[in-house]
C-alpha atoms as a PDB file:
ATOM      1  CA  UNK A   1      12.017   3.279   2.710  1.00  0.00           C
ATOM      2  CA  UNK A   2      13.608   3.269   6.144  1.00  0.00           C
ATOM      3  CA  UNK A   3      13.401  -0.198   7.684  1.00  0.00           C
ATOM      4  CA  UNK A   4      12.122  -0.995  11.176  1.00  0.00           C
ATOM      5  CA  UNK A   5      15.018  -2.341  13.242  1.00  0.00           C
ATOM      6  CA  UNK A   6      13.802  -5.272  15.338  1.00  0.00           C
ATOM      7  CA  UNK A   7      15.438  -7.335  18.076  1.00  0.00           C
ATOM      8  CA  UNK A   8      13.901 -10.775  18.626  1.00  0.00           C
ATOM      9  CA  UNK A   9      14.033 -11.977  22.235  1.00  0.00           C
ATOM     10  CA  UNK A  10      13.065 -15.615  22.772  1.00  0.00           C
ATOM     11  CA  UNK A  11      14.458 -18.206  25.191  1.00  0.00           C
ATOM     12  CA  UNK A  12      13.725 -21.041  22.725  1.00  0.00           C
ATOM     13  CA  UNK A  13      16.546 -21.246  20.109  1.00  0.00           C
ATOM     14  CA  UNK A  14      14.416 -22.766  17.345  1.00  0.00           C
ATOM     15  CA  UNK A  15      11.539 -20.336  17.783  1.00  0.00           C
ATOM     16  CA  UNK A  16      13.980 -17.424  18.047  1.00  0.00           C
ATOM     17  CA  UNK A  17      15.628 -18.224  14.725  1.00  0.00           C
ATOM     18  CA  UNK A  18      12.316 -18.967  13.007  1.00  0.00           C
ATOM     19  CA  UNK A  19      10.719 -15.693  14.104  1.00  0.00           C
ATOM     20  CA  UNK A  20      13.869 -13.810  13.153  1.00  0.00           C
ATOM     21  CA  UNK A  21      13.829 -15.287   9.633  1.00  0.00           C
ATOM     22  CA  UNK A  22      10.138 -14.563   9.164  1.00  0.00           C
ATOM     23  CA  UNK A  23      10.479 -10.957  10.219  1.00  0.00           C
ATOM     24  CA  UNK A  24      13.672 -10.429   8.193  1.00  0.00           C
ATOM     25  CA  UNK A  25      11.823 -11.691   5.099  1.00  0.00           C
ATOM     26  CA  UNK A  26       9.654  -8.567   5.198  1.00  0.00           C
ATOM     27  CA  UNK A  27      10.876  -5.672   3.081  1.00  0.00           C
ATOM     28  CA  UNK A  28      10.170  -3.235   5.919  1.00  0.00           C
ATOM     29  CA  UNK A  29      12.118  -5.113   8.640  1.00  0.00           C
ATOM     30  CA  UNK A  30      15.824  -5.123   9.470  1.00  0.00           C
ATOM     31  CA  UNK A  31      16.785  -7.787  12.008  1.00  0.00           C
ATOM     32  CA  UNK A  32      18.918  -6.000  14.596  1.00  0.00           C
ATOM     33  CA  UNK A  33      19.658  -9.015  16.773  1.00  0.00           C
ATOM     34  CA  UNK A  34      18.604 -12.298  18.354  1.00  0.00           C
ATOM     35  CA  UNK A  35      18.808 -12.659  22.140  1.00  0.00           C
ATOM     36  CA  UNK A  36      17.950 -15.530  24.478  1.00  0.00           C
ATOM     37  CA  UNK A  37      17.195 -13.884  27.816  1.00  0.00           C
ATOM     38  CA  UNK A  38      16.508 -10.625  29.628  1.00  0.00           C
ATOM     39  CA  UNK A  39      20.165  -9.977  30.375  1.00  0.00           C
ATOM     40  CA  UNK A  40      21.074 -10.329  26.710  1.00  0.00           C
ATOM     41  CA  UNK A  41      18.188  -8.077  25.722  1.00  0.00           C
ATOM     42  CA  UNK A  42      19.195  -5.300  28.102  1.00  0.00           C
ATOM     43  CA  UNK A  43      22.793  -5.549  26.880  1.00  0.00           C
ATOM     44  CA  UNK A  44      21.745  -5.461  23.207  1.00  0.00           C
ATOM     45  CA  UNK A  45      19.530  -2.438  23.766  1.00  0.00           C
ATOM     46  CA  UNK A  46      22.271  -0.559  25.597  1.00  0.00           C
ATOM     47  CA  UNK A  47      24.790  -1.188  22.807  1.00  0.00           C
ATOM     48  CA  UNK A  48      22.795  -0.821  19.619  1.00  0.00           C
ATOM     49  CA  UNK A  49      19.919   0.925  17.914  1.00  0.00           C
ATOM     50  CA  UNK A  50      16.527  -0.779  17.887  1.00  0.00           C
ATOM     51  CA  UNK A  51      13.033   0.434  17.006  1.00  0.00           C
ATOM     52  CA  UNK A  52      10.913  -2.488  18.249  1.00  0.00           C
ATOM     53  CA  UNK A  53      11.514  -5.548  20.430  1.00  0.00           C
ATOM     54  CA  UNK A  54       9.594  -8.708  19.486  1.00  0.00           C
ATOM     55  CA  UNK A  55       9.617 -10.515  22.804  1.00  0.00           C
ATOM     56  CA  UNK A  56       8.275 -13.977  23.552  1.00  0.00           C
ATOM     57  CA  UNK A  57       7.030 -13.644  27.098  1.00  0.00           C
ATOM     58  CA  UNK A  58       7.984 -14.827  29.680  1.00  0.00           C
ATOM     59  CA  UNK A  59      11.691 -14.310  29.089  1.00  0.00           C
ATOM     60  CA  UNK A  60      14.290 -15.835  31.417  1.00  0.00           C
ATOM     61  CA  UNK A  61      16.838 -13.719  33.287  1.00  0.00           C
ATOM     62  CA  UNK A  62      19.820 -15.745  32.149  1.00  0.00           C
ATOM     63  CA  UNK A  63      20.078 -17.754  35.355  1.00  0.00           C
ATOM     64  CA  UNK A  64      16.699 -19.431  35.089  1.00  0.00           C
ATOM     65  CA  UNK A  65      13.590 -19.521  32.946  1.00  0.00           C
ATOM     66  CA  UNK A  66      11.168 -18.360  35.615  1.00  0.00           C
ATOM     67  CA  UNK A  67       9.026 -15.431  34.622  1.00  0.00           C
ATOM     68  CA  UNK A  68       8.443 -12.124  36.275  1.00  0.00           C
ATOM     69  CA  UNK A  69       5.585  -9.815  35.422  1.00  0.00           C
ATOM     70  CA  UNK A  70       5.532  -7.933  32.160  1.00  0.00           C
ATOM     71  CA  UNK A  71       5.270  -4.753  34.245  1.00  0.00           C
ATOM     72  CA  UNK A  72       8.693  -5.418  35.804  1.00  0.00           C
ATOM     73  CA  UNK A  73      10.367  -6.138  32.476  1.00  0.00           C
ATOM     74  CA  UNK A  74       8.525  -3.248  30.841  1.00  0.00           C
ATOM     75  CA  UNK A  75       9.860  -0.888  33.498  1.00  0.00           C
ATOM     76  CA  UNK A  76      13.436  -2.004  32.803  1.00  0.00           C
ATOM     77  CA  UNK A  77      13.012  -1.476  29.072  1.00  0.00           C
ATOM     78  CA  UNK A  78      11.356   1.891  29.621  1.00  0.00           C
ATOM     79  CA  UNK A  79      14.342   2.944  31.728  1.00  0.00           C
ATOM     80  CA  UNK A  80      16.485   2.308  28.649  1.00  0.00           C
ATOM     81  CA  UNK A  81      14.101   4.381  26.554  1.00  0.00           C
ATOM     82  CA  UNK A  82      12.770   1.304  24.731  1.00  0.00           C
ATOM     83  CA  UNK A  83       9.033   1.248  25.190  1.00  0.00           C
ATOM     84  CA  UNK A  84       8.013  -0.211  21.828  1.00  0.00           C
ATOM     85  CA  UNK A  85       7.621  -3.894  22.639  1.00  0.00           C
ATOM     86  CA  UNK A  86       5.512  -6.599  21.011  1.00  0.00           C
ATOM     87  CA  UNK A  87       4.758  -9.297  23.590  1.00  0.00           C
ATOM     88  CA  UNK A  88       4.211 -12.751  22.106  1.00  0.00           C
ATOM     89  CA  UNK A  89       2.751 -14.821  24.930  1.00  0.00           C
ATOM     90  CA  UNK A  90       1.508 -18.381  25.245  1.00  0.00           C
ATOM     91  CA  UNK A  91      -1.784 -17.287  26.726  1.00  0.00           C
ATOM     92  CA  UNK A  92      -4.880 -19.402  26.313  1.00  0.00           C
ATOM     93  CA  UNK A  93      -7.551 -17.498  28.199  1.00  0.00           C
ATOM     94  CA  UNK A  94      -9.143 -14.107  28.635  1.00  0.00           C
ATOM     95  CA  UNK A  95      -7.459 -13.447  31.985  1.00  0.00           C
ATOM     96  CA  UNK A  96      -3.991 -13.861  30.468  1.00  0.00           C
ATOM     97  CA  UNK A  97      -4.583 -11.246  27.761  1.00  0.00           C
ATOM     98  CA  UNK A  98      -6.119  -8.784  30.204  1.00  0.00           C
ATOM     99  CA  UNK A  99      -3.239  -9.245  32.658  1.00  0.00           C
ATOM    100  CA  UNK A 100      -0.685  -8.319  29.990  1.00  0.00           C
ATOM    101  CA  UNK A 101      -2.681  -5.202  29.140  1.00  0.00           C
ATOM    102  CA  UNK A 102      -3.050  -4.371  32.832  1.00  0.00           C
ATOM    103  CA  UNK A 103       0.722  -4.738  33.260  1.00  0.00           C
ATOM    104  CA  UNK A 104       1.237  -2.134  30.554  1.00  0.00           C
ATOM    105  CA  UNK A 105       1.774  -4.175  27.383  1.00  0.00           C
ATOM    106  CA  UNK A 106       0.423  -2.147  24.454  1.00  0.00           C
ATOM    107  CA  UNK A 107       0.985  -4.709  21.667  1.00  0.00           C
ATOM    108  CA  UNK A 108      -0.205  -8.253  22.387  1.00  0.00           C
ATOM    109  CA  UNK A 109       0.140 -11.341  20.176  1.00  0.00           C
ATOM    110  CA  UNK A 110      -0.575 -14.915  21.293  1.00  0.00           C
ATOM    111  CA  UNK A 111       1.483 -18.000  20.535  1.00  0.00           C
ATOM    112  CA  UNK A 112      -1.429 -19.289  18.451  1.00  0.00           C
ATOM    113  CA  UNK A 113      -1.436 -16.308  16.083  1.00  0.00           C
ATOM    114  CA  UNK A 114      -0.022 -16.457  12.567  1.00  0.00           C
ATOM    115  CA  UNK A 115       3.402 -14.856  12.068  1.00  0.00           C
ATOM    116  CA  UNK A 116       1.701 -12.119  10.051  1.00  0.00           C
ATOM    117  CA  UNK A 117       0.099 -10.921  13.300  1.00  0.00           C
ATOM    118  CA  UNK A 118       3.570 -10.392  14.769  1.00  0.00           C
ATOM    119  CA  UNK A 119       4.589  -8.363  11.728  1.00  0.00           C
ATOM    120  CA  UNK A 120       1.404  -6.305  11.987  1.00  0.00           C
ATOM    121  CA  UNK A 121       2.034  -5.687  15.696  1.00  0.00           C
ATOM    122  CA  UNK A 122       5.633  -4.624  14.987  1.00  0.00           C
ATOM    123  CA  UNK A 123       4.396  -2.066  12.468  1.00  0.00           C
ATOM    124  CA  UNK A 124       1.812  -0.755  14.930  1.00  0.00           C
ATOM    125  CA  UNK A 125       4.374  -0.544  17.741  1.00  0.00           C
ATOM    126  CA  UNK A 126       6.780   1.331  15.474  1.00  0.00           C
ATOM    127  CA  UNK A 127       4.034   3.907  14.869  1.00  0.00           C
ATOM    128  CA  UNK A 128       3.543   4.069  18.658  1.00  0.00           C
ATOM    129  CA  UNK A 129       0.048   2.603  18.273  1.00  0.00           C
ATOM    130  CA  UNK A 130      -1.362  -0.170  20.449  1.00  0.00           C
ATOM    131  CA  UNK A 131      -2.657  -3.440  19.015  1.00  0.00           C
ATOM    132  CA  UNK A 132      -4.282  -6.715  20.052  1.00  0.00           C
ATOM    133  CA  UNK A 133      -4.023  -9.730  17.741  1.00  0.00           C
ATOM    134  CA  UNK A 134      -6.989 -11.582  16.284  1.00  0.00           C
ATOM    135  CA  UNK A 135      -6.679 -14.590  18.606  1.00  0.00           C
ATOM    136  CA  UNK A 136      -6.216 -12.309  21.628  1.00  0.00           C
ATOM    137  CA  UNK A 137      -9.400 -10.460  20.659  1.00  0.00           C
ATOM    138  CA  UNK A 138     -11.236 -13.775  20.422  1.00  0.00           C
ATOM    139  CA  UNK A 139     -10.016 -14.675  23.910  1.00  0.00           C
ATOM    140  CA  UNK A 140     -11.214 -11.355  25.321  1.00  0.00           C
ATOM    141  CA  UNK A 141     -14.600 -11.109  23.660  1.00  0.00           C
ATOM    142  CA  UNK A 142     -15.420 -14.709  22.850  1.00  0.00           C
ATOM    143  CA  UNK A 143     -15.914 -13.701  19.214  1.00  0.00           C
ATOM    144  CA  UNK A 144     -14.293 -11.506  16.604  1.00  0.00           C
ATOM    145  CA  UNK A 145     -14.754  -7.923  17.763  1.00  0.00           C
ATOM    146  CA  UNK A 146     -16.144  -5.717  15.019  1.00  0.00           C
ATOM    147  CA  UNK A 147     -13.764  -3.332  13.329  1.00  0.00           C
ATOM    148  CA  UNK A 148     -14.189   0.372  12.819  1.00  0.00           C
ATOM    149  CA  UNK A 149     -15.469  -0.263   9.326  1.00  0.00           C
ATOM    150  CA  UNK A 150     -18.562  -1.954  10.767  1.00  0.00           C
ATOM    151  CA  UNK A 151     -19.856   1.439  11.907  1.00  0.00           C
ATOM    152  CA  UNK A 152     -20.446   4.489   9.736  1.00  0.00           C
ATOM    153  CA  UNK A 153     -19.346   6.572  12.733  1.00  0.00           C
ATOM    154  CA  UNK A 154     -19.118   6.326  16.496  1.00  0.00           C
ATOM    155  CA  UNK A 155     -22.597   7.862  16.883  1.00  0.00           C
ATOM    156  CA  UNK A 156     -24.007   4.469  15.965  1.00  0.00           C
ATOM    157  CA  UNK A 157     -22.522   2.978  19.119  1.00  0.00           C
ATOM    158  CA  UNK A 158     -22.051   5.858  21.565  1.00  0.00           C
ATOM    159  CA  UNK A 159     -23.670   9.237  22.041  1.00  0.00           C
ATOM    160  CA  UNK A 160     -21.567  12.355  21.469  1.00  0.00           C
ATOM    161  CA  UNK A 161     -21.146  12.900  25.199  1.00  0.00           C
ATOM    162  CA  UNK A 162     -20.302   9.257  25.832  1.00  0.00           C
ATOM    163  CA  UNK A 163     -17.626   9.426  23.138  1.00  0.00           C
ATOM    164  CA  UNK A 164     -16.216  12.536  24.796  1.00  0.00           C
ATOM    165  CA  UNK A 165     -16.132  10.856  28.212  1.00  0.00           C
ATOM    166  CA  UNK A 166     -14.424   7.781  26.756  1.00  0.00           C
ATOM    167  CA  UNK A 167     -11.802   9.884  24.965  1.00  0.00           C
ATOM    168  CA  UNK A 168     -11.016  11.950  28.069  1.00  0.00           C
ATOM    169  CA  UNK A 169     -10.953   8.896  30.341  1.00  0.00           C
ATOM    170  CA  UNK A 170      -8.547   7.074  28.039  1.00  0.00           C
ATOM    171  CA  UNK A 171      -6.329  10.161  28.012  1.00  0.00           C
ATOM    172  CA  UNK A 172      -5.762   9.622  31.731  1.00  0.00           C
ATOM    173  CA  UNK A 173      -8.294  11.956  33.352  1.00  0.00           C
ATOM    174  CA  UNK A 174     -10.296  10.741  36.328  1.00  0.00           C
ATOM    175  CA  UNK A 175     -14.093  10.906  36.467  1.00  0.00           C
ATOM    176  CA  UNK A 176     -13.820  13.964  38.746  1.00  0.00           C
ATOM    177  CA  UNK A 177     -11.372  15.703  36.383  1.00  0.00           C
ATOM    178  CA  UNK A 178     -13.642  14.999  33.414  1.00  0.00           C
ATOM    179  CA  UNK A 179     -16.561  16.521  35.324  1.00  0.00           C
ATOM    180  CA  UNK A 180     -14.549  19.683  35.940  1.00  0.00           C
ATOM    181  CA  UNK A 181     -13.363  19.793  32.315  1.00  0.00           C
ATOM    182  CA  UNK A 182     -16.868  19.379  30.849  1.00  0.00           C
ATOM    183  CA  UNK A 183     -18.859  21.299  33.439  1.00  0.00           C
ATOM    184  CA  UNK A 184     -20.986  18.273  34.325  1.00  0.00           C
ATOM    185  CA  UNK A 185     -21.485  16.601  37.683  1.00  0.00           C
ATOM    186  CA  UNK A 186     -19.378  13.668  38.832  1.00  0.00           C
ATOM    187  CA  UNK A 187     -22.549  11.566  38.974  1.00  0.00           C
ATOM    188  CA  UNK A 188     -23.385  12.381  35.344  1.00  0.00           C
ATOM    189  CA  UNK A 189     -19.869  11.519  34.139  1.00  0.00           C
ATOM    190  CA  UNK A 190     -19.879   8.279  36.135  1.00  0.00           C
ATOM    191  CA  UNK A 191     -23.251   7.320  34.633  1.00  0.00           C
ATOM    192  CA  UNK A 192     -22.015   8.068  31.096  1.00  0.00           C
ATOM    193  CA  UNK A 193     -18.840   6.029  31.662  1.00  0.00           C
ATOM    194  CA  UNK A 194     -20.899   3.087  32.922  1.00  0.00           C
ATOM    195  CA  UNK A 195     -23.126   3.409  29.844  1.00  0.00           C
ATOM    196  CA  UNK A 196     -20.053   3.228  27.590  1.00  0.00           C
ATOM    197  CA  UNK A 197     -18.810   0.123  29.379  1.00  0.00           C
ATOM    198  CA  UNK A 198     -22.203  -1.544  29.086  1.00  0.00           C
ATOM    199  CA  UNK A 199     -22.444  -0.811  25.353  1.00  0.00           C
ATOM    200  CA  UNK A 200     -18.976  -2.146  24.543  1.00  0.00           C
ATOM    201  CA  UNK A 201     -19.302  -5.142  26.860  1.00  0.00           C
ATOM    202  CA  UNK A 202     -16.513  -4.142  29.259  1.00  0.00           C
ATOM    203  CA  UNK A 203     -16.826  -5.234  32.903  1.00  0.00           C
ATOM    204  CA  UNK A 204     -13.910  -3.149  34.170  1.00  0.00           C
ATOM    205  CA  UNK A 205     -11.340  -0.526  33.162  1.00  0.00           C
ATOM    206  CA  UNK A 206      -8.855  -3.109  31.842  1.00  0.00           C
ATOM    207  CA  UNK A 207     -11.466  -4.501  29.452  1.00  0.00           C
ATOM    208  CA  UNK A 208     -12.365  -0.955  28.423  1.00  0.00           C
ATOM    209  CA  UNK A 209      -8.687  -0.354  27.581  1.00  0.00           C
ATOM    210  CA  UNK A 210      -8.638  -3.610  25.597  1.00  0.00           C
ATOM    211  CA  UNK A 211     -11.648  -2.431  23.590  1.00  0.00           C
ATOM    212  CA  UNK A 212      -9.973   0.911  22.912  1.00  0.00           C
ATOM    213  CA  UNK A 213      -6.742  -0.786  21.807  1.00  0.00           C
ATOM    214  CA  UNK A 214      -8.596  -3.124  19.430  1.00  0.00           C
ATOM    215  CA  UNK A 215     -10.426  -0.157  17.924  1.00  0.00           C
ATOM    216  CA  UNK A 216      -7.252   1.874  17.447  1.00  0.00           C
ATOM    217  CA  UNK A 217      -8.169   4.471  20.077  1.00  0.00           C
ATOM    218  CA  UNK A 218      -4.955   4.018  22.108  1.00  0.00           C
END
């Protein structure tokens, strides 16, 4: 079995070594490096091969420990062709989780999650699938969000047309483009999208994306 090569990026030496050991203990993980700041991470990625970065966010630049946005760091990593990142963040509220997702983080783990959640997120990232940890889900929804297994099929939650609108919207199409694609009016598509958001308990598009990530739709 080919192992997943992981670089651990964490400004705290003790936490960096601990996370590295825990990941390396998995039969499917090969520890590709330990770095302390953004500069070291960029250098490591430019010199070696890595499948996933396990990054405790925020990560210092090397000169200081002040944080930038995940979007800025994500853009730098994307420029290097490294988009598979697991962000481990010390977030304690709903707004913090949603901000990471809004900034483009596709795999979110909180500092309060068990190490197994990091391993799970690394596996998901390696498969290019998004994920939100159990604690992060609790912060978003205020309770454990039901898994796919709680429904026999999506028809129990959404109508066929609502499912279609959700799928097309998550693929990046606008409400107007979905209307053209499906032959319905913009008003109808907008109404169906609002119905989806009401049923899943999402107040805005970021929360809708969080729901889709938790359900394995992104």
